Amino acid sequence: MIARELKRAKTVEKYAAKREALKKAAVDPSLSWEERMEAMEKLNKLPRNASPVRRQRRCRITGRPHAVYRKFGLSRNMLRKLAMQGDVPGLRKASW
């Protein structure tokens, strides 16, 4: 699964500029209706994994796809483990 995510990331980077240009052309009011529809068709023919929305955020250590904190890039389990060891600067267990 991690290898699949890396493959998706490469695909997103490969088609990023082309997707952006087609998306701008699809909504550009100065173009004719046929040109905009043609841009939409080309956009739809791109690979599905070229869309950045299809990427999944994963833990940098374990590759776990769920409960991953954006700020740290770690899953909740690894974040807790590293915080208890004192390896995450500025993070402390709450106690009240």
N, C-alpha and C. Protein backbone atom coordinates (compact mmCIF):
# COMPACT_ATOMS: atom_id res chain seq x y z
N MET A 1 0.82 -1.20 0.00
CA MET A 1 0.00 0.00 0.00
C MET A 1 0.86 1.26 0.00
N ILE A 2 1.98 1.20 0.71
CA ILE A 2 2.87 2.36 0.74
C ILE A 2 3.45 2.61 -0.65
N ALA A 3 3.82 1.54 -1.34
CA ALA A 3 4.35 1.67 -2.69
C ALA A 3 3.30 2.25 -3.63
N ARG A 4 2.05 1.87 -3.42
CA ARG A 4 0.96 2.39 -4.25
C ARG A 4 0.80 3.89 -4.03
N GLU A 5 0.95 4.33 -2.78
CA GLU A 5 0.85 5.75 -2.48
C GLU A 5 2.00 6.53 -3.12
N LEU A 6 3.19 5.95 -3.12
CA LEU A 6 4.33 6.60 -3.76
C LEU A 6 4.11 6.73 -5.26
N LYS A 7 3.51 5.70 -5.84
CA LYS A 7 3.20 5.72 -7.27
C LYS A 7 2.18 6.82 -7.57
N ARG A 8 1.18 6.96 -6.70
CA ARG A 8 0.18 8.02 -6.86
C ARG A 8 0.83 9.40 -6.77
N ALA A 9 1.74 9.56 -5.82
CA ALA A 9 2.41 10.85 -5.65
C ALA A 9 3.19 11.23 -6.91
N LYS A 10 3.87 10.26 -7.50
CA LYS A 10 4.61 10.53 -8.73
C LYS A 10 3.67 10.90 -9.87
N THR A 11 2.53 10.22 -9.95
CA THR A 11 1.56 10.50 -11.00
C THR A 11 0.98 11.90 -10.84
N VAL A 12 0.70 12.29 -9.60
CA VAL A 12 0.17 13.63 -9.33
C VAL A 12 1.17 14.68 -9.79
N GLU A 13 2.45 14.49 -9.46
CA GLU A 13 3.47 15.46 -9.85
C GLU A 13 3.63 15.52 -11.37
N LYS A 14 3.54 14.35 -12.02
CA LYS A 14 3.74 14.27 -13.46
C LYS A 14 2.67 15.06 -14.22
N TYR A 15 1.42 14.96 -13.78
CA TYR A 15 0.31 15.58 -14.50
C TYR A 15 -0.16 16.90 -13.90
N ALA A 16 0.53 17.43 -12.90
CA ALA A 16 0.05 18.63 -12.20
C ALA A 16 -0.10 19.83 -13.13
N ALA A 17 0.91 20.10 -13.93
CA ALA A 17 0.85 21.27 -14.81
C ALA A 17 -0.23 21.11 -15.88
N LYS A 18 -0.33 19.91 -16.43
CA LYS A 18 -1.34 19.66 -17.47
C LYS A 18 -2.75 19.78 -16.91
N ARG A 19 -2.97 19.24 -15.71
CA ARG A 19 -4.28 19.33 -15.06
C ARG A 19 -4.65 20.80 -14.81
N GLU A 20 -3.69 21.56 -14.31
CA GLU A 20 -3.94 22.97 -14.00
C GLU A 20 -4.33 23.74 -15.26
N ALA A 21 -3.61 23.50 -16.36
CA ALA A 21 -3.92 24.21 -17.61
C ALA A 21 -5.30 23.82 -18.14
N LEU A 22 -5.64 22.53 -18.06
CA LEU A 22 -6.95 22.09 -18.55
C LEU A 22 -8.08 22.62 -17.67
N LYS A 23 -7.86 22.69 -16.36
CA LYS A 23 -8.89 23.21 -15.47
C LYS A 23 -9.14 24.69 -15.73
N LYS A 24 -8.06 25.44 -15.99
CA LYS A 24 -8.24 26.86 -16.29
C LYS A 24 -8.97 27.04 -17.61
N ALA A 25 -8.64 26.21 -18.59
CA ALA A 25 -9.30 26.31 -19.90
C ALA A 25 -10.77 25.93 -19.80
N ALA A 26 -11.10 25.01 -18.92
CA ALA A 26 -12.48 24.54 -18.80
C ALA A 26 -13.42 25.61 -18.23
N VAL A 27 -12.88 26.54 -17.47
CA VAL A 27 -13.73 27.57 -16.86
C VAL A 27 -13.47 28.96 -17.44
N ASP A 28 -12.62 29.04 -18.45
CA ASP A 28 -12.28 30.34 -19.05
C ASP A 28 -13.45 30.85 -19.90
N PRO A 29 -14.07 31.98 -19.51
CA PRO A 29 -15.23 32.48 -20.27
C PRO A 29 -14.88 33.04 -21.64
N SER A 30 -13.60 33.33 -21.88
CA SER A 30 -13.23 33.89 -23.17
C SER A 30 -13.18 32.82 -24.27
N LEU A 31 -13.10 31.55 -23.88
CA LEU A 31 -13.09 30.47 -24.87
C LEU A 31 -14.51 30.11 -25.28
N SER A 32 -14.64 29.49 -26.44
CA SER A 32 -15.96 29.06 -26.89
C SER A 32 -16.42 27.84 -26.08
N TRP A 33 -17.70 27.56 -26.19
CA TRP A 33 -18.28 26.44 -25.45
C TRP A 33 -17.64 25.12 -25.88
N GLU A 34 -17.39 24.95 -27.18
CA GLU A 34 -16.79 23.72 -27.69
C GLU A 34 -15.37 23.53 -27.17
N GLU A 35 -14.61 24.62 -27.10
CA GLU A 35 -13.24 24.54 -26.59
C GLU A 35 -13.22 24.16 -25.12
N ARG A 36 -14.17 24.71 -24.37
CA ARG A 36 -14.24 24.36 -22.95
C ARG A 36 -14.64 22.91 -22.76
N MET A 37 -15.58 22.43 -23.57
CA MET A 37 -15.99 21.02 -23.48
C MET A 37 -14.84 20.09 -23.87
N GLU A 38 -14.06 20.51 -24.85
CA GLU A 38 -12.90 19.72 -25.26
C GLU A 38 -11.87 19.63 -24.12
N ALA A 39 -11.68 20.74 -23.42
CA ALA A 39 -10.76 20.75 -22.27
C ALA A 39 -11.28 19.83 -21.18
N MET A 40 -12.60 19.84 -20.96
CA MET A 40 -13.19 18.95 -19.94
C MET A 40 -13.00 17.48 -20.32
N GLU A 41 -13.16 17.16 -21.59
CA GLU A 41 -12.97 15.79 -22.06
C GLU A 41 -11.53 15.34 -21.86
N LYS A 42 -10.59 16.23 -22.19
CA LYS A 42 -9.17 15.89 -22.00
C LYS A 42 -8.86 15.70 -20.51
N LEU A 43 -9.48 16.53 -19.69
CA LEU A 43 -9.29 16.42 -18.24
C LEU A 43 -9.82 15.09 -17.73
N ASN A 44 -10.97 14.68 -18.27
CA ASN A 44 -11.56 13.41 -17.85
C ASN A 44 -10.76 12.20 -18.33
N LYS A 45 -9.98 12.37 -19.38
CA LYS A 45 -9.20 11.26 -19.92
C LYS A 45 -7.87 11.07 -19.20
N LEU A 46 -7.49 12.01 -18.36
CA LEU A 46 -6.26 11.85 -17.58
C LEU A 46 -6.45 10.70 -16.58
N PRO A 47 -5.36 10.08 -16.13
CA PRO A 47 -5.50 9.00 -15.15
C PRO A 47 -6.15 9.48 -13.86
N ARG A 48 -6.90 8.61 -13.24
CA ARG A 48 -7.58 8.99 -11.99
C ARG A 48 -6.59 9.37 -10.90
N ASN A 49 -5.49 8.65 -10.85
CA ASN A 49 -4.51 8.92 -9.80
C ASN A 49 -3.72 10.20 -10.04
N ALA A 50 -4.00 10.90 -11.12
CA ALA A 50 -3.35 12.19 -11.36
C ALA A 50 -3.99 13.29 -10.51
N SER A 51 -5.13 13.01 -9.93
CA SER A 51 -5.81 13.99 -9.09
C SER A 51 -5.21 13.96 -7.68
N PRO A 52 -4.85 15.13 -7.14
CA PRO A 52 -4.25 15.15 -5.80
C PRO A 52 -5.22 14.72 -4.70
N VAL A 53 -6.50 14.73 -4.97
CA VAL A 53 -7.49 14.35 -3.97
C VAL A 53 -7.38 12.86 -3.63
N ARG A 54 -6.89 12.06 -4.56
CA ARG A 54 -6.83 10.61 -4.35
C ARG A 54 -5.65 10.18 -3.48
N ARG A 55 -4.78 11.11 -3.12
CA ARG A 55 -3.67 10.75 -2.26
C ARG A 55 -4.16 10.56 -0.83
N GLN A 56 -3.56 9.63 -0.15
CA GLN A 56 -3.92 9.32 1.23
C GLN A 56 -2.77 9.74 2.14
N ARG A 57 -3.08 10.44 3.20
CA ARG A 57 -2.04 10.82 4.16
C ARG A 57 -1.69 9.59 4.98
N ARG A 58 -0.42 9.27 5.09
CA ARG A 58 0.03 8.09 5.83
C ARG A 58 1.09 8.46 6.84
N CYS A 59 1.18 7.64 7.88
CA CYS A 59 2.21 7.81 8.91
C CYS A 59 3.58 7.61 8.28
N ARG A 60 4.52 8.48 8.59
CA ARG A 60 5.86 8.39 8.02
C ARG A 60 6.62 7.17 8.52
N ILE A 61 6.29 6.68 9.69
CA ILE A 61 7.03 5.56 10.27
C ILE A 61 6.38 4.23 9.92
N THR A 62 5.08 4.10 10.18
CA THR A 62 4.41 2.80 10.01
C THR A 62 3.65 2.66 8.71
N GLY A 63 3.26 3.78 8.11
CA GLY A 63 2.45 3.71 6.89
C GLY A 63 0.97 3.59 7.17
N ARG A 64 0.57 3.72 8.42
CA ARG A 64 -0.85 3.62 8.79
C ARG A 64 -1.64 4.77 8.15
N PRO A 65 -2.80 4.45 7.50
CA PRO A 65 -3.54 5.49 6.80
C PRO A 65 -4.55 6.27 7.65
N HIS A 66 -4.89 5.77 8.82
CA HIS A 66 -5.93 6.42 9.63
C HIS A 66 -5.32 7.13 10.83
N ALA A 67 -5.99 8.17 11.29
CA ALA A 67 -5.60 8.93 12.48
C ALA A 67 -4.19 9.48 12.34
N VAL A 68 -3.90 10.13 11.21
CA VAL A 68 -2.59 10.72 10.97
C VAL A 68 -2.71 12.23 11.17
N TYR A 69 -1.87 12.76 12.04
CA TYR A 69 -1.86 14.18 12.32
C TYR A 69 -1.03 14.91 11.27
N ARG A 70 -1.62 15.92 10.64
CA ARG A 70 -0.94 16.66 9.58
C ARG A 70 0.31 17.35 10.09
N LYS A 71 0.21 17.94 11.25
CA LYS A 71 1.31 18.74 11.78
C LYS A 71 2.58 17.91 11.98
N PHE A 72 2.41 16.66 12.37
CA PHE A 72 3.57 15.81 12.65
C PHE A 72 3.82 14.76 11.57
N GLY A 73 2.80 14.42 10.81
CA GLY A 73 2.95 13.37 9.80
C GLY A 73 3.02 11.99 10.41
N LEU A 74 2.49 11.86 11.63
CA LEU A 74 2.54 10.60 12.35
C LEU A 74 1.14 10.16 12.74
N SER A 75 0.97 8.84 12.87
CA SER A 75 -0.31 8.33 13.34
C SER A 75 -0.40 8.56 14.85
N ARG A 76 -1.59 8.45 15.37
CA ARG A 76 -1.80 8.71 16.80
C ARG A 76 -0.97 7.79 17.68
N ASN A 77 -0.80 6.55 17.25
CA ASN A 77 -0.04 5.58 18.05
C ASN A 77 1.44 5.97 18.13
N MET A 78 2.02 6.29 16.98
CA MET A 78 3.43 6.65 16.95
C MET A 78 3.66 8.00 17.61
N LEU A 79 2.72 8.92 17.44
CA LEU A 79 2.85 10.23 18.07
C LEU A 79 2.87 10.08 19.59
N ARG A 80 1.99 9.25 20.12
CA ARG A 80 1.95 9.03 21.57
C ARG A 80 3.24 8.39 22.05
N LYS A 81 3.69 7.38 21.33
CA LYS A 81 4.92 6.67 21.71
C LYS A 81 6.12 7.62 21.73
N LEU A 82 6.26 8.42 20.67
CA LEU A 82 7.39 9.34 20.59
C LEU A 82 7.26 10.47 21.60
N ALA A 83 6.03 10.91 21.88
CA ALA A 83 5.83 11.98 22.87
C ALA A 83 6.20 11.48 24.27
N MET A 84 5.87 10.24 24.56
CA MET A 84 6.21 9.69 25.87
C MET A 84 7.73 9.52 26.04
N GLN A 85 8.43 9.30 24.94
CA GLN A 85 9.88 9.19 24.99
C GLN A 85 10.55 10.56 25.00
N GLY A 86 9.77 11.61 24.70
CA GLY A 86 10.30 12.96 24.67
C GLY A 86 10.95 13.32 23.35
N ASP A 87 10.62 12.60 22.29
CA ASP A 87 11.25 12.83 20.98
C ASP A 87 10.53 13.87 20.14
N VAL A 88 9.36 14.36 20.57
CA VAL A 88 8.63 15.38 19.81
C VAL A 88 8.76 16.70 20.59
N PRO A 89 9.54 17.65 20.06
CA PRO A 89 9.74 18.90 20.78
C PRO A 89 8.46 19.72 20.91
N GLY A 90 8.24 20.22 22.11
CA GLY A 90 7.08 21.06 22.35
C GLY A 90 5.80 20.31 22.64
N LEU A 91 5.85 18.99 22.70
CA LEU A 91 4.66 18.19 22.94
C LEU A 91 4.79 17.52 24.31
N ARG A 92 3.74 17.68 25.12
CA ARG A 92 3.76 17.12 26.45
C ARG A 92 2.41 16.51 26.76
N LYS A 93 2.39 15.46 27.54
CA LYS A 93 1.14 14.82 27.91
C LYS A 93 0.37 15.75 28.84
N ALA A 94 -0.90 15.90 28.54
CA ALA A 94 -1.73 16.79 29.36
C ALA A 94 -2.06 16.13 30.70
N SER A 95 -2.04 16.91 31.74
CA SER A 95 -2.47 16.42 33.05
C SER A 95 -3.10 17.58 33.80
N TRP A 96 -4.26 17.35 34.34
CA TRP A 96 -4.95 18.40 35.09
C TRP A 96 -5.65 17.84 36.28
